[in-house]
Amino acid sequence: MGTYLLVIVGPASVILAPLIPNISGVEALVIIALTFGGLLVF
């Protein structure tokens, strides 16, 4: 189940994070890293 979530949510975070208004590149990378890291815990 975790692998399926990683495949779906991981790339979605890469696409959606830069679209958040008023967010820097570093903050977008942190959001993406936390998404992948959080999914690896499950």
PDB file of N, CA and C in Angstrom:
ATOM      1  N   MET A   1       0.828  -1.204   0.000  1.00  0.00           N
ATOM      2  CA  MET A   1       0.000   0.000   0.000  1.00  0.00           C
ATOM      3  C   MET A   1       0.862   1.253   0.000  1.00  0.00           C
ATOM      4  N   GLY A   2       1.950   1.236   0.762  1.00  0.00           N
ATOM      5  CA  GLY A   2       2.824   2.405   0.832  1.00  0.00           C
ATOM      6  C   GLY A   2       3.460   2.741  -0.503  1.00  0.00           C
ATOM      7  N   THR A   3       3.799   1.707  -1.272  1.00  0.00           N
ATOM      8  CA  THR A   3       4.412   1.938  -2.584  1.00  0.00           C
ATOM      9  C   THR A   3       3.444   2.632  -3.525  1.00  0.00           C
ATOM     10  N   TYR A   4       2.184   2.221  -3.469  1.00  0.00           N
ATOM     11  CA  TYR A   4       1.188   2.860  -4.331  1.00  0.00           C
ATOM     12  C   TYR A   4       1.001   4.330  -3.964  1.00  0.00           C
ATOM     13  N   LEU A   5       0.988   4.619  -2.668  1.00  0.00           N
ATOM     14  CA  LEU A   5       0.861   6.014  -2.234  1.00  0.00           C
ATOM     15  C   LEU A   5       2.070   6.829  -2.680  1.00  0.00           C
ATOM     16  N   LEU A   6       3.251   6.239  -2.565  1.00  0.00           N
ATOM     17  CA  LEU A   6       4.464   6.941  -2.978  1.00  0.00           C
ATOM     18  C   LEU A   6       4.436   7.261  -4.462  1.00  0.00           C
ATOM     19  N   VAL A   7       3.955   6.327  -5.265  1.00  0.00           N
ATOM     20  CA  VAL A   7       3.903   6.521  -6.717  1.00  0.00           C
ATOM     21  C   VAL A   7       2.884   7.597  -7.097  1.00  0.00           C
ATOM     22  N   ILE A   8       1.782   7.684  -6.346  1.00  0.00           N
ATOM     23  CA  ILE A   8       0.729   8.649  -6.686  1.00  0.00           C
ATOM     24  C   ILE A   8       1.008  10.022  -6.072  1.00  0.00           C
ATOM     25  N   VAL A   9       1.272  10.054  -4.772  1.00  0.00           N
ATOM     26  CA  VAL A   9       1.398  11.324  -4.059  1.00  0.00           C
ATOM     27  C   VAL A   9       2.753  11.979  -4.296  1.00  0.00           C
ATOM     28  N   GLY A  10       3.795  11.186  -4.444  1.00  0.00           N
ATOM     29  CA  GLY A  10       5.140  11.734  -4.639  1.00  0.00           C
ATOM     30  C   GLY A  10       5.234  12.661  -5.846  1.00  0.00           C
ATOM     31  N   PRO A  11       4.939  12.173  -7.038  1.00  0.00           N
ATOM     32  CA  PRO A  11       4.988  13.051  -8.208  1.00  0.00           C
ATOM     33  C   PRO A  11       3.984  14.205  -8.144  1.00  0.00           C
ATOM     34  N   ALA A  12       2.848  13.967  -7.510  1.00  0.00           N
ATOM     35  CA  ALA A  12       1.863  15.045  -7.369  1.00  0.00           C
ATOM     36  C   ALA A  12       2.434  16.183  -6.530  1.00  0.00           C
ATOM     37  N   SER A  13       3.205  15.850  -5.498  1.00  0.00           N
ATOM     38  CA  SER A  13       3.812  16.902  -4.676  1.00  0.00           C
ATOM     39  C   SER A  13       4.847  17.692  -5.468  1.00  0.00           C
ATOM     40  N   VAL A  14       5.555  17.012  -6.362  1.00  0.00           N
ATOM     41  CA  VAL A  14       6.544  17.699  -7.201  1.00  0.00           C
ATOM     42  C   VAL A  14       5.845  18.689  -8.128  1.00  0.00           C
ATOM     43  N   ILE A  15       4.684  18.337  -8.612  1.00  0.00           N
ATOM     44  CA  ILE A  15       3.936  19.208  -9.523  1.00  0.00           C
ATOM     45  C   ILE A  15       3.251  20.344  -8.770  1.00  0.00           C
ATOM     46  N   LEU A  16       2.658  20.027  -7.620  1.00  0.00           N
ATOM     47  CA  LEU A  16       1.833  21.010  -6.920  1.00  0.00           C
ATOM     48  C   LEU A  16       2.624  21.975  -6.038  1.00  0.00           C
ATOM     49  N   ALA A  17       3.747  21.562  -5.488  1.00  0.00           N
ATOM     50  CA  ALA A  17       4.498  22.426  -4.561  1.00  0.00           C
ATOM     51  C   ALA A  17       4.913  23.752  -5.206  1.00  0.00           C
ATOM     52  N   PRO A  18       5.444  23.760  -6.421  1.00  0.00           N
ATOM     53  CA  PRO A  18       5.817  25.055  -7.016  1.00  0.00           C
ATOM     54  C   PRO A  18       4.613  25.948  -7.362  1.00  0.00           C
ATOM     55  N   LEU A  19       3.423  25.378  -7.403  1.00  0.00           N
ATOM     56  CA  LEU A  19       2.245  26.167  -7.748  1.00  0.00           C
ATOM     57  C   LEU A  19       1.682  26.940  -6.560  1.00  0.00           C
ATOM     58  N   ILE A  20       2.178  26.656  -5.352  1.00  0.00           N
ATOM     59  CA  ILE A  20       1.716  27.369  -4.160  1.00  0.00           C
ATOM     60  C   ILE A  20       2.242  28.799  -4.235  1.00  0.00           C
ATOM     61  N   PRO A  21       1.364  29.789  -4.126  1.00  0.00           N
ATOM     62  CA  PRO A  21       1.824  31.182  -4.234  1.00  0.00           C
ATOM     63  C   PRO A  21       2.703  31.579  -3.039  1.00  0.00           C
ATOM     64  N   ASN A  22       3.638  32.479  -3.295  1.00  0.00           N
ATOM     65  CA  ASN A  22       4.526  33.035  -2.270  1.00  0.00           C
ATOM     66  C   ASN A  22       5.358  31.976  -1.561  1.00  0.00           C
ATOM     67  N   ILE A  23       5.858  31.009  -2.299  1.00  0.00           N
ATOM     68  CA  ILE A  23       6.716  29.987  -1.713  1.00  0.00           C
ATOM     69  C   ILE A  23       8.039  29.995  -2.468  1.00  0.00           C
ATOM     70  N   SER A  24       9.124  29.905  -1.717  1.00  0.00           N
ATOM     71  CA  SER A  24      10.443  29.919  -2.359  1.00  0.00           C
ATOM     72  C   SER A  24      10.784  28.516  -2.858  1.00  0.00           C
ATOM     73  N   GLY A  25      11.834  28.452  -3.638  1.00  0.00           N
ATOM     74  CA  GLY A  25      12.267  27.157  -4.168  1.00  0.00           C
ATOM     75  C   GLY A  25      12.694  26.202  -3.072  1.00  0.00           C
ATOM     76  N   VAL A  26      13.360  26.730  -2.055  1.00  0.00           N
ATOM     77  CA  VAL A  26      13.811  25.881  -0.947  1.00  0.00           C
ATOM     78  C   VAL A  26      12.614  25.331  -0.175  1.00  0.00           C
ATOM     79  N   GLU A  27      11.620  26.180   0.058  1.00  0.00           N
ATOM     80  CA  GLU A  27      10.426  25.722   0.768  1.00  0.00           C
ATOM     81  C   GLU A  27       9.692  24.647  -0.031  1.00  0.00           C
ATOM     82  N   ALA A  28       9.649  24.805  -1.339  1.00  0.00           N
ATOM     83  CA  ALA A  28       9.007  23.794  -2.185  1.00  0.00           C
ATOM     84  C   ALA A  28       9.759  22.466  -2.081  1.00  0.00           C
ATOM     85  N   LEU A  29      11.076  22.533  -2.072  1.00  0.00           N
ATOM     86  CA  LEU A  29      11.873  21.310  -1.937  1.00  0.00           C
ATOM     87  C   LEU A  29      11.655  20.649  -0.587  1.00  0.00           C
ATOM     88  N   VAL A  30      11.498  21.452   0.457  1.00  0.00           N
ATOM     89  CA  VAL A  30      11.247  20.897   1.796  1.00  0.00           C
ATOM     90  C   VAL A  30       9.895  20.184   1.824  1.00  0.00           C
ATOM     91  N   ILE A  31       8.881  20.786   1.217  1.00  0.00           N
ATOM     92  CA  ILE A  31       7.558  20.149   1.153  1.00  0.00           C
ATOM     93  C   ILE A  31       7.636  18.821   0.411  1.00  0.00           C
ATOM     94  N   ILE A  32       8.351  18.815  -0.699  1.00  0.00           N
ATOM     95  CA  ILE A  32       8.504  17.586  -1.486  1.00  0.00           C
ATOM     96  C   ILE A  32       9.252  16.530  -0.679  1.00  0.00           C
ATOM     97  N   ALA A  33      10.327  16.939  -0.008  1.00  0.00           N
ATOM     98  CA  ALA A  33      11.117  15.982   0.790  1.00  0.00           C
ATOM     99  C   ALA A  33      10.290  15.409   1.936  1.00  0.00           C
ATOM    100  N   LEU A  34       9.495  16.257   2.599  1.00  0.00           N
ATOM    101  CA  LEU A  34       8.660  15.776   3.691  1.00  0.00           C
ATOM    102  C   LEU A  34       7.580  14.827   3.179  1.00  0.00           C
ATOM    103  N   THR A  35       7.080  15.092   1.990  1.00  0.00           N
ATOM    104  CA  THR A  35       6.064  14.203   1.415  1.00  0.00           C
ATOM    105  C   THR A  35       6.651  12.822   1.158  1.00  0.00           C
ATOM    106  N   PHE A  36       7.817  12.779   0.502  1.00  0.00           N
ATOM    107  CA  PHE A  36       8.458  11.485   0.235  1.00  0.00           C
ATOM    108  C   PHE A  36       8.892  10.826   1.528  1.00  0.00           C
ATOM    109  N   GLY A  37       9.471  11.586   2.455  1.00  0.00           N
ATOM    110  CA  GLY A  37       9.930  11.030   3.720  1.00  0.00           C
ATOM    111  C   GLY A  37       8.788  10.511   4.569  1.00  0.00           C
ATOM    112  N   GLY A  38       7.695  11.250   4.583  1.00  0.00           N
ATOM    113  CA  GLY A  38       6.532  10.811   5.357  1.00  0.00           C
ATOM    114  C   GLY A  38       5.905   9.552   4.793  1.00  0.00           C
ATOM    115  N   LEU A  39       5.947   9.412   3.483  1.00  0.00           N
ATOM    116  CA  LEU A  39       5.352   8.231   2.879  1.00  0.00           C
ATOM    117  C   LEU A  39       6.229   7.008   3.077  1.00  0.00           C
ATOM    118  N   LEU A  40       7.539   7.207   3.218  1.00  0.00           N
ATOM    119  CA  LEU A  40       8.423   6.066   3.427  1.00  0.00           C
ATOM    120  C   LEU A  40       8.262   5.473   4.813  1.00  0.00           C
ATOM    121  N   VAL A  41       7.716   6.256   5.737  1.00  0.00           N
ATOM    122  CA  VAL A  41       7.507   5.764   7.097  1.00  0.00           C
ATOM    123  C   VAL A  41       6.392   4.723   7.131  1.00  0.00           C
ATOM    124  N   PHE A  42       5.373   4.912   6.301  1.00  0.00           N
ATOM    125  CA  PHE A  42       4.227   3.992   6.316  1.00  0.00           C
ATOM    126  C   PHE A  42       4.613   2.647   5.817  1.00  0.00           C
TER     127      PHE A  42
END
